[in-house]
Amino acid sequence: MAGGAKAQDKGKPISLHVKEVHRTEEDTDYGFQSHITAIVESKTVVYSIKCDETYSREKRGYTGRCFSISAGQDYGALKFSDAINFWQPGDKGEGYVLIMYDILAEKEK
């Protein structure tokens, strides 16, 4: 599974507020890769998360896509042991993989 979540881990519903979002892009031989990092928080925990999405020049489209989040917004998600999934059940990528955010760090408030 993309994002590192284990197949047997069903995830726990969680409400998150996005504090910060940073995006950097890297030009590669095949297209470009966007590195998205964010600080999000629940009522009790602050998470540092990361997601890398890839755009293919040859395909002229994404091969892997991260859920688009914005600072100052609230989102429902599923928290896994090492990843957060903002995609809703039934969401499908049109020719690309839906990628979860990896949890880089978590800290109690």
PDB file of N, CA and C in Angstrom:
ATOM      1  N   MET A   1       0.835  -1.184   0.000  1.00  0.00           N
ATOM      2  CA  MET A   1       0.000   0.000   0.000  1.00  0.00           C
ATOM      3  C   MET A   1       0.874   1.240   0.000  1.00  0.00           C
ATOM      4  N   ALA A   2       0.527   2.213  -0.793  1.00  0.00           N
ATOM      5  CA  ALA A   2       1.272   3.468  -0.806  1.00  0.00           C
ATOM      6  C   ALA A   2       1.108   4.162   0.535  1.00  0.00           C
ATOM      7  N   GLY A   3       2.125   4.856   0.956  1.00  0.00           N
ATOM      8  CA  GLY A   3       2.057   5.555   2.231  1.00  0.00           C
ATOM      9  C   GLY A   3       2.532   4.712   3.396  1.00  0.00           C
ATOM     10  N   GLY A   4       2.835   3.433   3.154  1.00  0.00           N
ATOM     11  CA  GLY A   4       3.433   2.614   4.178  1.00  0.00           C
ATOM     12  C   GLY A   4       2.461   1.889   5.093  1.00  0.00           C
ATOM     13  N   ALA A   5       1.161   2.131   5.000  1.00  0.00           N
ATOM     14  CA  ALA A   5       0.215   1.468   5.901  1.00  0.00           C
ATOM     15  C   ALA A   5       0.171  -0.026   5.613  1.00  0.00           C
ATOM     16  N   LYS A   6       0.090  -0.816   6.647  1.00  0.00           N
ATOM     17  CA  LYS A   6       0.035  -2.264   6.508  1.00  0.00           C
ATOM     18  C   LYS A   6      -1.365  -2.685   6.069  1.00  0.00           C
ATOM     19  N   ALA A   7      -1.433  -3.707   5.240  1.00  0.00           N
ATOM     20  CA  ALA A   7      -2.713  -4.164   4.688  1.00  0.00           C
ATOM     21  C   ALA A   7      -3.706  -4.542   5.784  1.00  0.00           C
ATOM     22  N   GLN A   8      -3.238  -5.130   6.905  1.00  0.00           N
ATOM     23  CA  GLN A   8      -4.147  -5.557   7.966  1.00  0.00           C
ATOM     24  C   GLN A   8      -4.598  -4.398   8.850  1.00  0.00           C
ATOM     25  N   ASP A   9      -3.967  -3.250   8.752  1.00  0.00           N
ATOM     26  CA  ASP A   9      -4.302  -2.070   9.547  1.00  0.00           C
ATOM     27  C   ASP A   9      -5.488  -1.361   8.888  1.00  0.00           C
ATOM     28  N   LYS A  10      -6.627  -1.324   9.555  1.00  0.00           N
ATOM     29  CA  LYS A  10      -7.837  -0.721   8.982  1.00  0.00           C
ATOM     30  C   LYS A  10      -7.875   0.795   9.126  1.00  0.00           C
ATOM     31  N   GLY A  11      -7.032   1.344   9.963  1.00  0.00           N
ATOM     32  CA  GLY A  11      -7.025   2.782  10.177  1.00  0.00           C
ATOM     33  C   GLY A  11      -8.084   3.204  11.175  1.00  0.00           C
ATOM     34  N   LYS A  12      -7.834   4.331  11.820  1.00  0.00           N
ATOM     35  CA  LYS A  12      -8.752   4.885  12.814  1.00  0.00           C
ATOM     36  C   LYS A  12      -9.231   6.246  12.318  1.00  0.00           C
ATOM     37  N   PRO A  13     -10.543   6.476  12.286  1.00  0.00           N
ATOM     38  CA  PRO A  13     -11.039   7.798  11.860  1.00  0.00           C
ATOM     39  C   PRO A  13     -10.490   8.896  12.768  1.00  0.00           C
ATOM     40  N   ILE A  14     -10.104  10.006  12.165  1.00  0.00           N
ATOM     41  CA  ILE A  14      -9.498  11.109  12.903  1.00  0.00           C
ATOM     42  C   ILE A  14      -9.877  12.422  12.216  1.00  0.00           C
ATOM     43  N   SER A  15     -10.049  13.469  13.013  1.00  0.00           N
ATOM     44  CA  SER A  15     -10.277  14.815  12.478  1.00  0.00           C
ATOM     45  C   SER A  15      -8.983  15.595  12.637  1.00  0.00           C
ATOM     46  N   LEU A  16      -8.556  16.253  11.558  1.00  0.00           N
ATOM     47  CA  LEU A  16      -7.292  16.972  11.574  1.00  0.00           C
ATOM     48  C   LEU A  16      -7.448  18.402  11.079  1.00  0.00           C
ATOM     49  N   HIS A  17      -6.689  19.290  11.701  1.00  0.00           N
ATOM     50  CA  HIS A  17      -6.612  20.685  11.264  1.00  0.00           C
ATOM     51  C   HIS A  17      -5.216  20.886  10.662  1.00  0.00           C
ATOM     52  N   VAL A  18      -5.146  21.461   9.460  1.00  0.00           N
ATOM     53  CA  VAL A  18      -3.869  21.681   8.783  1.00  0.00           C
ATOM     54  C   VAL A  18      -3.319  23.047   9.194  1.00  0.00           C
ATOM     55  N   LYS A  19      -2.131  23.034   9.803  1.00  0.00           N
ATOM     56  CA  LYS A  19      -1.470  24.270  10.246  1.00  0.00           C
ATOM     57  C   LYS A  19      -0.560  24.843   9.156  1.00  0.00           C
ATOM     58  N   GLU A  20       0.234  23.989   8.507  1.00  0.00           N
ATOM     59  CA  GLU A  20       1.204  24.423   7.496  1.00  0.00           C
ATOM     60  C   GLU A  20       1.280  23.402   6.375  1.00  0.00           C
ATOM     61  N   VAL A  21       1.536  23.887   5.154  1.00  0.00           N
ATOM     62  CA  VAL A  21       1.799  23.016   4.008  1.00  0.00           C
ATOM     63  C   VAL A  21       2.970  23.613   3.236  1.00  0.00           C
ATOM     64  N   HIS A  22       3.948  22.775   2.916  1.00  0.00           N
ATOM     65  CA  HIS A  22       5.104  23.198   2.108  1.00  0.00           C
ATOM     66  C   HIS A  22       5.217  22.263   0.918  1.00  0.00           C
ATOM     67  N   ARG A  23       5.522  22.842  -0.243  1.00  0.00           N
ATOM     68  CA  ARG A  23       5.623  22.042  -1.464  1.00  0.00           C
ATOM     69  C   ARG A  23       6.897  22.433  -2.203  1.00  0.00           C
ATOM     70  N   THR A  24       7.697  21.438  -2.561  1.00  0.00           N
ATOM     71  CA  THR A  24       8.862  21.672  -3.410  1.00  0.00           C
ATOM     72  C   THR A  24       8.758  20.730  -4.606  1.00  0.00           C
ATOM     73  N   GLU A  25       9.288  21.171  -5.736  1.00  0.00           N
ATOM     74  CA  GLU A  25       9.246  20.338  -6.939  1.00  0.00           C
ATOM     75  C   GLU A  25      10.648  20.051  -7.428  1.00  0.00           C
ATOM     76  N   GLU A  26      10.807  18.855  -7.925  1.00  0.00           N
ATOM     77  CA  GLU A  26      12.097  18.389  -8.431  1.00  0.00           C
ATOM     78  C   GLU A  26      11.896  17.899  -9.858  1.00  0.00           C
ATOM     79  N   ASP A  27      12.664  18.461 -10.800  1.00  0.00           N
ATOM     80  CA  ASP A  27      12.621  18.020 -12.187  1.00  0.00           C
ATOM     81  C   ASP A  27      13.420  16.731 -12.306  1.00  0.00           C
ATOM     82  N   THR A  28      12.847  15.721 -12.945  1.00  0.00           N
ATOM     83  CA  THR A  28      13.528  14.436 -13.107  1.00  0.00           C
ATOM     84  C   THR A  28      13.587  14.093 -14.582  1.00  0.00           C
ATOM     85  N   ASP A  29      14.263  13.005 -14.921  1.00  0.00           N
ATOM     86  CA  ASP A  29      14.363  12.562 -16.313  1.00  0.00           C
ATOM     87  C   ASP A  29      13.004  12.198 -16.897  1.00  0.00           C
ATOM     88  N   TYR A  30      12.103  11.722 -16.079  1.00  0.00           N
ATOM     89  CA  TYR A  30      10.807  11.248 -16.566  1.00  0.00           C
ATOM     90  C   TYR A  30       9.676  12.258 -16.385  1.00  0.00           C
ATOM     91  N   GLY A  31       9.895  13.337 -15.648  1.00  0.00           N
ATOM     92  CA  GLY A  31       8.836  14.320 -15.390  1.00  0.00           C
ATOM     93  C   GLY A  31       9.217  15.180 -14.218  1.00  0.00           C
ATOM     94  N   PHE A  32       8.337  15.247 -13.236  1.00  0.00           N
ATOM     95  CA  PHE A  32       8.711  15.947 -12.007  1.00  0.00           C
ATOM     96  C   PHE A  32       8.072  15.269 -10.809  1.00  0.00           C
ATOM     97  N   GLN A  33       8.703  15.492  -9.676  1.00  0.00           N
ATOM     98  CA  GLN A  33       8.207  14.946  -8.423  1.00  0.00           C
ATOM     99  C   GLN A  33       7.955  16.109  -7.473  1.00  0.00           C
ATOM    100  N   SER A  34       6.791  16.111  -6.859  1.00  0.00           N
ATOM    101  CA  SER A  34       6.439  17.115  -5.862  1.00  0.00           C
ATOM    102  C   SER A  34       6.567  16.489  -4.483  1.00  0.00           C
ATOM    103  N   HIS A  35       7.271  17.201  -3.605  1.00  0.00           N
ATOM    104  CA  HIS A  35       7.444  16.755  -2.220  1.00  0.00           C
ATOM    105  C   HIS A  35       6.593  17.681  -1.358  1.00  0.00           C
ATOM    106  N   ILE A  36       5.581  17.110  -0.733  1.00  0.00           N
ATOM    107  CA  ILE A  36       4.645  17.895   0.079  1.00  0.00           C
ATOM    108  C   ILE A  36       4.843  17.498   1.538  1.00  0.00           C
ATOM    109  N   THR A  37       5.106  18.494   2.376  1.00  0.00           N
ATOM    110  CA  THR A  37       5.198  18.265   3.813  1.00  0.00           C
ATOM    111  C   THR A  37       4.169  19.158   4.492  1.00  0.00           C
ATOM    112  N   ALA A  38       3.681  18.712   5.626  1.00  0.00           N
ATOM    113  CA  ALA A  38       2.654  19.488   6.330  1.00  0.00           C
ATOM    114  C   ALA A  38       2.724  19.222   7.827  1.00  0.00           C
ATOM    115  N   ILE A  39       2.214  20.186   8.563  1.00  0.00           N
ATOM    116  CA  ILE A  39       2.000  20.041   9.999  1.00  0.00           C
ATOM    117  C   ILE A  39       0.490  20.033  10.188  1.00  0.00           C
ATOM    118  N   VAL A  40      -0.012  18.948  10.750  1.00  0.00           N
ATOM    119  CA  VAL A  40      -1.449  18.804  11.002  1.00  0.00           C
ATOM    120  C   VAL A  40      -1.629  18.417  12.457  1.00  0.00           C
ATOM    121  N   GLU A  41      -2.814  18.734  13.009  1.00  0.00           N
ATOM    122  CA  GLU A  41      -3.027  18.389  14.412  1.00  0.00           C
ATOM    123  C   GLU A  41      -4.446  17.916  14.669  1.00  0.00           C
ATOM    124  N   SER A  42      -4.513  16.956  15.587  1.00  0.00           N
ATOM    125  CA  SER A  42      -5.801  16.527  16.126  1.00  0.00           C
ATOM    126  C   SER A  42      -5.982  17.308  17.427  1.00  0.00           C
ATOM    127  N   LYS A  43      -6.944  16.930  18.233  1.00  0.00           N
ATOM    128  CA  LYS A  43      -7.135  17.626  19.511  1.00  0.00           C
ATOM    129  C   LYS A  43      -5.984  17.371  20.478  1.00  0.00           C
ATOM    130  N   THR A  44      -5.276  16.233  20.308  1.00  0.00           N
ATOM    131  CA  THR A  44      -4.258  15.868  21.283  1.00  0.00           C
ATOM    132  C   THR A  44      -2.841  15.686  20.723  1.00  0.00           C
ATOM    133  N   VAL A  45      -2.710  15.582  19.387  1.00  0.00           N
ATOM    134  CA  VAL A  45      -1.409  15.260  18.792  1.00  0.00           C
ATOM    135  C   VAL A  45      -1.119  16.165  17.588  1.00  0.00           C
ATOM    136  N   VAL A  46       0.161  16.550  17.463  1.00  0.00           N
ATOM    137  CA  VAL A  46       0.641  17.295  16.299  1.00  0.00           C
ATOM    138  C   VAL A  46       1.463  16.323  15.454  1.00  0.00           C
ATOM    139  N   TYR A  47       1.148  16.251  14.157  1.00  0.00           N
ATOM    140  CA  TYR A  47       1.833  15.343  13.239  1.00  0.00           C
ATOM    141  C   TYR A  47       2.611  16.133  12.196  1.00  0.00           C
ATOM    142  N   SER A  48       3.790  15.632  11.866  1.00  0.00           N
ATOM    143  CA  SER A  48       4.542  16.101  10.711  1.00  0.00           C
ATOM    144  C   SER A  48       4.380  15.003   9.665  1.00  0.00           C
ATOM    145  N   ILE A  49       3.855  15.365   8.482  1.00  0.00           N
ATOM    146  CA  ILE A  49       3.569  14.354   7.463  1.00  0.00           C
ATOM    147  C   ILE A  49       4.216  14.724   6.132  1.00  0.00           C
ATOM    148  N   LYS A  50       4.384  13.718   5.265  1.00  0.00           N
ATOM    149  CA  LYS A  50       5.031  13.921   3.967  1.00  0.00           C
ATOM    150  C   LYS A  50       4.388  13.027   2.922  1.00  0.00           C
ATOM    151  N   CYS A  51       4.271  13.558   1.706  1.00  0.00           N
ATOM    152  CA  CYS A  51       3.766  12.783   0.579  1.00  0.00           C
ATOM    153  C   CYS A  51       4.514  13.226  -0.677  1.00  0.00           C
ATOM    154  N   ASP A  52       4.925  12.270  -1.502  1.00  0.00           N
ATOM    155  CA  ASP A  52       5.627  12.556  -2.752  1.00  0.00           C
ATOM    156  C   ASP A  52       4.749  12.101  -3.915  1.00  0.00           C
ATOM    157  N   GLU A  53       4.419  13.044  -4.809  1.00  0.00           N
ATOM    158  CA  GLU A  53       3.629  12.672  -5.980  1.00  0.00           C
ATOM    159  C   GLU A  53       4.465  12.848  -7.241  1.00  0.00           C
ATOM    160  N   THR A  54       4.107  12.110  -8.280  1.00  0.00           N
ATOM    161  CA  THR A  54       4.917  12.067  -9.491  1.00  0.00           C
ATOM    162  C   THR A  54       4.078  12.366 -10.726  1.00  0.00           C
ATOM    163  N   TYR A  55       4.606  13.247 -11.574  1.00  0.00           N
ATOM    164  CA  TYR A  55       3.985  13.585 -12.849  1.00  0.00           C
ATOM    165  C   TYR A  55       4.897  13.073 -13.961  1.00  0.00           C
ATOM    166  N   SER A  56       4.327  12.350 -14.922  1.00  0.00           N
ATOM    167  CA  SER A  56       5.088  11.762 -16.015  1.00  0.00           C
ATOM    168  C   SER A  56       4.932  12.591 -17.289  1.00  0.00           C
ATOM    169  N   ARG A  57       6.067  13.015 -17.866  1.00  0.00           N
ATOM    170  CA  ARG A  57       6.009  13.742 -19.151  1.00  0.00           C
ATOM    171  C   ARG A  57       5.472  12.832 -20.251  1.00  0.00           C
ATOM    172  N   GLU A  58       5.950  11.584 -20.262  1.00  0.00           N
ATOM    173  CA  GLU A  58       5.539  10.633 -21.301  1.00  0.00           C
ATOM    174  C   GLU A  58       4.032  10.376 -21.251  1.00  0.00           C
ATOM    175  N   LYS A  59       3.519  10.159 -20.074  1.00  0.00           N
ATOM    176  CA  LYS A  59       2.097   9.880 -19.887  1.00  0.00           C
ATOM    177  C   LYS A  59       1.255  11.158 -19.966  1.00  0.00           C
ATOM    178  N   ARG A  60       1.924  12.308 -19.718  1.00  0.00           N
ATOM    179  CA  ARG A  60       1.242  13.611 -19.639  1.00  0.00           C
ATOM    180  C   ARG A  60       0.164  13.601 -18.560  1.00  0.00           C
ATOM    181  N   GLY A  61       0.556  13.028 -17.443  1.00  0.00           N
ATOM    182  CA  GLY A  61      -0.361  12.958 -16.308  1.00  0.00           C
ATOM    183  C   GLY A  61       0.341  12.387 -15.094  1.00  0.00           C
ATOM    184  N   TYR A  62      -0.365  12.348 -14.006  1.00  0.00           N
ATOM    185  CA  TYR A  62       0.185  11.838 -12.756  1.00  0.00           C
ATOM    186  C   TYR A  62       0.251  10.323 -12.767  1.00  0.00           C
ATOM    187  N   THR A  63       1.295   9.776 -12.138  1.00  0.00           N
ATOM    188  CA  THR A  63       1.370   8.341 -11.901  1.00  0.00           C
ATOM    189  C   THR A  63       1.054   8.045 -10.439  1.00  0.00           C
ATOM    190  N   GLY A  64       1.277   9.020  -9.578  1.00  0.00           N
ATOM    191  CA  GLY A  64       0.939   8.938  -8.165  1.00  0.00           C
ATOM    192  C   GLY A  64       0.518  10.311  -7.694  1.00  0.00           C
ATOM    193  N   ARG A  65      -0.592  10.394  -6.974  1.00  0.00           N
ATOM    194  CA  ARG A  65      -1.144  11.688  -6.578  1.00  0.00           C
ATOM    195  C   ARG A  65      -1.435  11.725  -5.090  1.00  0.00           C
ATOM    196  N   CYS A  66      -1.047  12.821  -4.444  1.00  0.00           N
ATOM    197  CA  CYS A  66      -1.350  13.056  -3.032  1.00  0.00           C
ATOM    198  C   CYS A  66      -2.666  13.824  -2.931  1.00  0.00           C
ATOM    199  N   PHE A  67      -3.369  13.636  -1.837  1.00  0.00           N
ATOM    200  CA  PHE A  67      -4.582  14.411  -1.592  1.00  0.00           C
ATOM    201  C   PHE A  67      -4.173  15.861  -1.364  1.00  0.00           C
ATOM    202  N   SER A  68      -4.878  16.780  -1.979  1.00  0.00           N
ATOM    203  CA  SER A  68      -4.547  18.200  -1.859  1.00  0.00           C
ATOM    204  C   SER A  68      -5.132  18.764  -0.564  1.00  0.00           C
ATOM    205  N   ILE A  69      -4.236  19.219   0.330  1.00  0.00           N
ATOM    206  CA  ILE A  69      -4.667  19.821   1.592  1.00  0.00           C
ATOM    207  C   ILE A  69      -4.214  21.278   1.636  1.00  0.00           C
ATOM    208  N   SER A  70      -4.930  22.090   2.396  1.00  0.00           N
ATOM    209  CA  SER A  70      -4.623  23.518   2.500  1.00  0.00           C
ATOM    210  C   SER A  70      -4.547  23.934   3.963  1.00  0.00           C
ATOM    211  N   ALA A  71      -3.623  24.838   4.256  1.00  0.00           N
ATOM    212  CA  ALA A  71      -3.475  25.361   5.612  1.00  0.00           C
ATOM    213  C   ALA A  71      -4.757  26.066   6.037  1.00  0.00           C
ATOM    214  N   GLY A  72      -5.106  25.923   7.306  1.00  0.00           N
ATOM    215  CA  GLY A  72      -6.287  26.563   7.855  1.00  0.00           C
ATOM    216  C   GLY A  72      -7.567  25.766   7.662  1.00  0.00           C
ATOM    217  N   GLN A  73      -7.483  24.594   7.041  1.00  0.00           N
ATOM    218  CA  GLN A  73      -8.663  23.779   6.760  1.00  0.00           C
ATOM    219  C   GLN A  73      -8.705  22.549   7.666  1.00  0.00           C
ATOM    220  N   ASP A  74      -9.912  22.027   7.870  1.00  0.00           N
ATOM    221  CA  ASP A  74     -10.129  20.810   8.651  1.00  0.00           C
ATOM    222  C   ASP A  74     -10.500  19.672   7.698  1.00  0.00           C
ATOM    223  N   TYR A  75      -9.996  18.477   8.000  1.00  0.00           N
ATOM    224  CA  TYR A  75     -10.236  17.307   7.156  1.00  0.00           C
ATOM    225  C   TYR A  75     -10.506  16.089   8.020  1.00  0.00           C
ATOM    226  N   GLY A  76     -11.353  15.213   7.520  1.00  0.00           N
ATOM    227  CA  GLY A  76     -11.517  13.892   8.095  1.00  0.00           C
ATOM    228  C   GLY A  76     -10.504  12.980   7.420  1.00  0.00           C
ATOM    229  N   ALA A  77      -9.947  12.037   8.159  1.00  0.00           N
ATOM    230  CA  ALA A  77      -8.926  11.146   7.603  1.00  0.00           C
ATOM    231  C   ALA A  77      -8.949   9.825   8.358  1.00  0.00           C
ATOM    232  N   LEU A  78      -8.149   8.891   7.881  1.00  0.00           N
ATOM    233  CA  LEU A  78      -7.904   7.646   8.597  1.00  0.00           C
ATOM    234  C   LEU A  78      -6.448   7.644   9.008  1.00  0.00           C
ATOM    235  N   LYS A  79      -6.189   7.395  10.304  1.00  0.00           N
ATOM    236  CA  LYS A  79      -4.815   7.322  10.799  1.00  0.00           C
ATOM    237  C   LYS A  79      -4.424   5.862  10.919  1.00  0.00           C
ATOM    238  N   PHE A  80      -3.317   5.529  10.272  1.00  0.00           N
ATOM    239  CA  PHE A  80      -2.720   4.209  10.370  1.00  0.00           C
ATOM    240  C   PHE A  80      -1.499   4.325  11.275  1.00  0.00           C
ATOM    241  N   SER A  81      -0.836   3.238  11.565  1.00  0.00           N
ATOM    242  CA  SER A  81       0.316   3.279  12.463  1.00  0.00           C
ATOM    243  C   SER A  81       1.434   4.178  11.934  1.00  0.00           C
ATOM    244  N   ASP A  82       1.588   4.272  10.612  1.00  0.00           N
ATOM    245  CA  ASP A  82       2.682   5.061  10.056  1.00  0.00           C
ATOM    246  C   ASP A  82       2.267   5.964   8.892  1.00  0.00           C
ATOM    247  N   ALA A  83       0.954   6.152   8.703  1.00  0.00           N
ATOM    248  CA  ALA A  83       0.473   6.964   7.581  1.00  0.00           C
ATOM    249  C   ALA A  83      -0.899   7.560   7.885  1.00  0.00           C
ATOM    250  N   ILE A  84      -1.240   8.622   7.141  1.00  0.00           N
ATOM    251  CA  ILE A  84      -2.561   9.248   7.242  1.00  0.00           C
ATOM    252  C   ILE A  84      -3.162   9.290   5.847  1.00  0.00           C
ATOM    253  N   ASN A  85      -4.396   8.823   5.745  1.00  0.00           N
ATOM    254  CA  ASN A  85      -5.095   8.762   4.465  1.00  0.00           C
ATOM    255  C   ASN A  85      -6.239   9.777   4.453  1.00  0.00           C
ATOM    256  N   PHE A  86      -6.105  10.803   3.617  1.00  0.00           N
ATOM    257  CA  PHE A  86      -7.165  11.803   3.471  1.00  0.00           C
ATOM    258  C   PHE A  86      -8.184  11.406   2.400  1.00  0.00           C
ATOM    259  N   TRP A  87      -7.825  10.445   1.543  1.00  0.00           N
ATOM    260  CA  TRP A  87      -8.743  10.020   0.482  1.00  0.00           C
ATOM    261  C   TRP A  87      -9.978   9.383   1.098  1.00  0.00           C
ATOM    262  N   GLN A  88     -11.118   9.627   0.511  1.00  0.00           N
ATOM    263  CA  GLN A  88     -12.376   9.052   0.995  1.00  0.00           C
ATOM    264  C   GLN A  88     -12.592   7.683   0.367  1.00  0.00           C
ATOM    265  N   PRO A  89     -13.283   6.776   1.083  1.00  0.00           N
ATOM    266  CA  PRO A  89     -13.583   5.468   0.484  1.00  0.00           C
ATOM    267  C   PRO A  89     -14.319   5.681  -0.841  1.00  0.00           C
ATOM    268  N   GLY A  90     -13.902   4.950  -1.835  1.00  0.00           N
ATOM    269  CA  GLY A  90     -14.525   5.085  -3.151  1.00  0.00           C
ATOM    270  C   GLY A  90     -13.799   6.055  -4.066  1.00  0.00           C
ATOM    271  N   ASP A  91     -12.891   6.896  -3.540  1.00  0.00           N
ATOM    272  CA  ASP A  91     -12.094   7.771  -4.408  1.00  0.00           C
ATOM    273  C   ASP A  91     -11.225   6.897  -5.307  1.00  0.00           C
ATOM    274  N   LYS A  92     -11.143   7.278  -6.572  1.00  0.00           N
ATOM    275  CA  LYS A  92     -10.332   6.525  -7.520  1.00  0.00           C
ATOM    276  C   LYS A  92      -9.534   7.490  -8.361  1.00  0.00           C
ATOM    277  N   GLY A  93      -8.261   7.161  -8.574  1.00  0.00           N
ATOM    278  CA  GLY A  93      -7.424   7.958  -9.455  1.00  0.00           C
ATOM    279  C   GLY A  93      -7.692   7.568 -10.899  1.00  0.00           C
ATOM    280  N   GLU A  94      -7.659   8.535 -11.768  1.00  0.00           N
ATOM    281  CA  GLU A  94      -7.854   8.258 -13.193  1.00  0.00           C
ATOM    282  C   GLU A  94      -6.501   7.958 -13.810  1.00  0.00           C
ATOM    283  N   GLY A  95      -6.076   6.690 -13.699  1.00  0.00           N
ATOM    284  CA  GLY A  95      -4.803   6.280 -14.251  1.00  0.00           C
ATOM    285  C   GLY A  95      -3.624   6.542 -13.341  1.00  0.00           C
ATOM    286  N   TYR A  96      -3.861   6.887 -12.090  1.00  0.00           N
ATOM    287  CA  TYR A  96      -2.768   7.100 -11.143  1.00  0.00           C
ATOM    288  C   TYR A  96      -3.123   6.498  -9.790  1.00  0.00           C
ATOM    289  N   VAL A  97      -2.098   6.298  -8.968  1.00  0.00           N
ATOM    290  CA  VAL A  97      -2.245   5.734  -7.628  1.00  0.00           C
ATOM    291  C   VAL A  97      -2.560   6.858  -6.641  1.00  0.00           C
ATOM    292  N   LEU A  98      -3.495   6.622  -5.736  1.00  0.00           N
ATOM    293  CA  LEU A  98      -3.805   7.566  -4.659  1.00  0.00           C
ATOM    294  C   LEU A  98      -2.831   7.301  -3.510  1.00  0.00           C
ATOM    295  N   ILE A  99      -2.046   8.316  -3.155  1.00  0.00           N
ATOM    296  CA  ILE A  99      -0.978   8.130  -2.176  1.00  0.00           C
ATOM    297  C   ILE A  99      -1.356   8.746  -0.824  1.00  0.00           C
ATOM    298  N   MET A 100      -1.036   8.022   0.241  1.00  0.00           N
ATOM    299  CA  MET A 100      -1.238   8.523   1.601  1.00  0.00           C
ATOM    300  C   MET A 100      -0.030   9.331   2.039  1.00  0.00           C
ATOM    301  N   TYR A 101      -0.199  10.090   3.102  1.00  0.00           N
ATOM    302  CA  TYR A 101       0.895  10.849   3.708  1.00  0.00           C
ATOM    303  C   TYR A 101       1.586   9.976   4.745  1.00  0.00           C
ATOM    304  N   ASP A 102       2.907   9.879   4.670  1.00  0.00           N
ATOM    305  CA  ASP A 102       3.690   9.179   5.688  1.00  0.00           C
ATOM    306  C   ASP A 102       3.790  10.059   6.926  1.00  0.00           C
ATOM    307  N   ILE A 103       3.710   9.463   8.093  1.00  0.00           N
ATOM    308  CA  ILE A 103       3.915  10.185   9.351  1.00  0.00           C
ATOM    309  C   ILE A 103       5.414  10.216   9.623  1.00  0.00           C
ATOM    310  N   LEU A 104       5.987  11.426   9.629  1.00  0.00           N
ATOM    311  CA  LEU A 104       7.413  11.593   9.920  1.00  0.00           C
ATOM    312  C   LEU A 104       7.660  11.716  11.411  1.00  0.00           C
ATOM    313  N   ALA A 105       6.740  12.398  12.101  1.00  0.00           N
ATOM    314  CA  ALA A 105       6.873  12.600  13.548  1.00  0.00           C
ATOM    315  C   ALA A 105       5.492  12.891  14.124  1.00  0.00           C
ATOM    316  N   GLU A 106       5.326  12.576  15.377  1.00  0.00           N
ATOM    317  CA  GLU A 106       4.111  12.928  16.093  1.00  0.00           C
ATOM    318  C   GLU A 106       4.478  13.319  17.517  1.00  0.00           C
ATOM    319  N   LYS A 107       3.783  14.357  17.997  1.00  0.00           N
ATOM    320  CA  LYS A 107       4.102  14.895  19.318  1.00  0.00           C
ATOM    321  C   LYS A 107       2.800  15.230  20.036  1.00  0.00           C
ATOM    322  N   GLU A 108       2.719  14.840  21.285  1.00  0.00           N
ATOM    323  CA  GLU A 108       1.559  15.172  22.101  1.00  0.00           C
ATOM    324  C   GLU A 108       1.533  16.677  22.335  1.00  0.00           C
ATOM    325  N   LYS A 109       0.320  17.243  22.313  1.00  0.00           N
ATOM    326  CA  LYS A 109       0.172  18.685  22.559  1.00  0.00           C
ATOM    327  C   LYS A 109       0.370  18.996  24.027  1.00  0.00           C
TER     328      LYS A 109
END
